[in-house]
C-alpha atoms as a PDB file:
ATOM      1  CA  MET A   1      96.229  83.748  83.950  1.00  0.00           C
ATOM      2  CA  ALA A   2      95.429  85.998  86.909  1.00  0.00           C
ATOM      3  CA  ARG A   3      97.464  89.166  87.269  1.00  0.00           C
ATOM      4  CA  ILE A   4      97.877  89.845  90.996  1.00  0.00           C
ATOM      5  CA  PHE A   5      98.870  93.075  92.730  1.00  0.00           C
ATOM      6  CA  LEU A   6      99.923  92.973  96.406  1.00  0.00           C
ATOM      7  CA  VAL A   7      99.534  95.700  99.028  1.00  0.00           C
ATOM      8  CA  ASP A   8     100.922  94.925 102.480  1.00  0.00           C
ATOM      9  CA  ASP A   9     103.108  97.043 104.720  1.00  0.00           C
ATOM     10  CA  HIS A  10     105.308  94.076 105.670  1.00  0.00           C
ATOM     11  CA  ASP A  11     108.009  93.181 103.162  1.00  0.00           C
ATOM     12  CA  VAL A  12     108.172  89.584 104.365  1.00  0.00           C
ATOM     13  CA  VAL A  13     104.448  89.096 103.690  1.00  0.00           C
ATOM     14  CA  ARG A  14     104.626  90.603 100.205  1.00  0.00           C
ATOM     15  CA  ASP A  15     107.756  88.599  99.383  1.00  0.00           C
ATOM     16  CA  GLY A  16     106.244  85.381 100.768  1.00  0.00           C
ATOM     17  CA  ILE A  17     103.013  85.710  98.808  1.00  0.00           C
ATOM     18  CA  ALA A  18     104.955  86.596  95.671  1.00  0.00           C
ATOM     19  CA  ALA A  19     107.098  83.465  96.115  1.00  0.00           C
ATOM     20  CA  ILE A  20     104.002  81.292  96.434  1.00  0.00           C
ATOM     21  CA  VAL A  21     102.346  82.859  93.383  1.00  0.00           C
ATOM     22  CA  ASP A  22     105.582  82.515  91.395  1.00  0.00           C
ATOM     23  CA  ARG A  23     105.296  78.735  91.765  1.00  0.00           C
ATOM     24  CA  SER A  24     101.944  78.843  90.002  1.00  0.00           C
ATOM     25  CA  GLU A  25     101.878  78.354  86.261  1.00  0.00           C
ATOM     26  CA  SER A  26      98.570  80.161  85.942  1.00  0.00           C
ATOM     27  CA  ASP A  27      99.085  83.328  88.008  1.00  0.00           C
ATOM     28  CA  GLU A  28     101.650  86.109  88.263  1.00  0.00           C
ATOM     29  CA  VAL A  29     102.431  89.012  90.569  1.00  0.00           C
ATOM     30  CA  VAL A  30     102.425  92.163  88.461  1.00  0.00           C
ATOM     31  CA  GLY A  31     103.231  94.612  91.228  1.00  0.00           C
ATOM     32  CA  SER A  32     103.435  95.243  94.919  1.00  0.00           C
ATOM     33  CA  GLN A  33     103.744  98.100  97.344  1.00  0.00           C
ATOM     34  CA  ALA A  34     103.600  98.881 101.054  1.00  0.00           C
ATOM     35  CA  SER A  35     100.842 101.504 101.073  1.00  0.00           C
ATOM     36  CA  LEU A  36      97.793 102.816  99.236  1.00  0.00           C
ATOM     37  CA  SER A  37      99.741 105.822  97.973  1.00  0.00           C
ATOM     38  CA  GLY A  38      99.743 105.826  94.165  1.00  0.00           C
ATOM     39  CA  LEU A  39      97.797 102.569  94.010  1.00  0.00           C
ATOM     40  CA  ASP A  40      95.340 103.720  91.312  1.00  0.00           C
ATOM     41  CA  GLU A  41      98.123 104.471  88.853  1.00  0.00           C
ATOM     42  CA  ALA A  42     100.005 101.288  89.756  1.00  0.00           C
ATOM     43  CA  LEU A  43      96.910  99.131  89.192  1.00  0.00           C
ATOM     44  CA  LEU A  44      96.317 100.728  85.798  1.00  0.00           C
ATOM     45  CA  SER A  45      99.880 100.285  84.599  1.00  0.00           C
ATOM     46  CA  ALA A  46     100.086  96.717  85.958  1.00  0.00           C
ATOM     47  CA  LYS A  47      96.715  95.771  84.436  1.00  0.00           C
ATOM     48  CA  ALA A  48      95.940  93.786  87.583  1.00  0.00           C
ATOM     49  CA  ASP A  49      92.942  91.435  87.794  1.00  0.00           C
ATOM     50  CA  ILE A  50      93.204  90.762  91.531  1.00  0.00           C
ATOM     51  CA  LEU A  51      94.276  92.978  94.412  1.00  0.00           C
ATOM     52  CA  LEU A  52      95.462  91.250  97.596  1.00  0.00           C
ATOM     53  CA  LEU A  53      95.020  94.031 100.136  1.00  0.00           C
ATOM     54  CA  ASP A  54      96.113  94.074 103.772  1.00  0.00           C
ATOM     55  CA  ILE A  55      93.296  95.400 105.948  1.00  0.00           C
ATOM     56  CA  SER A  56      95.675  97.073 108.427  1.00  0.00           C
ATOM     57  CA  LEU A  57      98.320  99.325 106.980  1.00  0.00           C
ATOM     58  CA  ARG A  58     100.718 101.543 108.949  1.00  0.00           C
ATOM     59  CA  LYS A  59      98.774 104.668 108.022  1.00  0.00           C
ATOM     60  CA  GLY A  60      95.337 103.255 108.896  1.00  0.00           C
ATOM     61  CA  THR A  61      92.820 100.828 107.529  1.00  0.00           C
ATOM     62  CA  SER A  62      92.342  99.982 103.877  1.00  0.00           C
ATOM     63  CA  LEU A  63      88.593  99.432 104.329  1.00  0.00           C
ATOM     64  CA  ASP A  64      87.850 103.064 103.511  1.00  0.00           C
ATOM     65  CA  ALA A  65      89.654 102.740 100.180  1.00  0.00           C
ATOM     66  CA  ILE A  66      87.806  99.669  98.902  1.00  0.00           C
ATOM     67  CA  LYS A  67      84.676 101.424  97.613  1.00  0.00           C
ATOM     68  CA  ALA A  68      86.728 104.056  95.805  1.00  0.00           C
ATOM     69  CA  LEU A  69      88.960 101.355  94.301  1.00  0.00           C
ATOM     70  CA  LYS A  70      85.925  99.405  93.064  1.00  0.00           C
ATOM     71  CA  ASP A  71      84.391 102.589  91.620  1.00  0.00           C
ATOM     72  CA  ARG A  72      87.579 103.369  89.677  1.00  0.00           C
ATOM     73  CA  HIS A  73      88.430  99.738  88.801  1.00  0.00           C
ATOM     74  CA  PRO A  74      85.066  97.938  88.476  1.00  0.00           C
ATOM     75  CA  SER A  75      86.461  94.667  87.131  1.00  0.00           C
ATOM     76  CA  LEU A  76      89.145  94.423  89.839  1.00  0.00           C
ATOM     77  CA  ARG A  77      88.636  91.590  92.320  1.00  0.00           C
ATOM     78  CA  ILE A  78      89.775  92.503  95.826  1.00  0.00           C
ATOM     79  CA  ILE A  79      90.824  89.958  98.430  1.00  0.00           C
ATOM     80  CA  ILE A  80      91.359  91.317 101.936  1.00  0.00           C
ATOM     81  CA  LEU A  81      94.211  89.920 104.021  1.00  0.00           C
ATOM     82  CA  SER A  82      93.995  90.180 107.806  1.00  0.00           C
ATOM     83  CA  MET A  83      95.664  88.872 110.928  1.00  0.00           C
ATOM     84  CA  HIS A  84      92.603  89.927 112.949  1.00  0.00           C
ATOM     85  CA  ALA A  85      89.828  87.536 113.944  1.00  0.00           C
END
């Protein structure tokens, strides 16, 4: 079972992805939030395996945070979500 954490600044996107994952028997959403603020602690407490991360957040890009996230959570798999080509 994959434990998935969602970060997207649009509620409808987070809710929609969570609804899709909820239909899966093998995966579960263990947390979600709208920004990178407090993400390290949230990932630790949720014991997430996968982070679905929006590339464009209201307070800037998440690209700068990826290396730091991988350094602090080496086993975490990160999937970037984007509406940009």
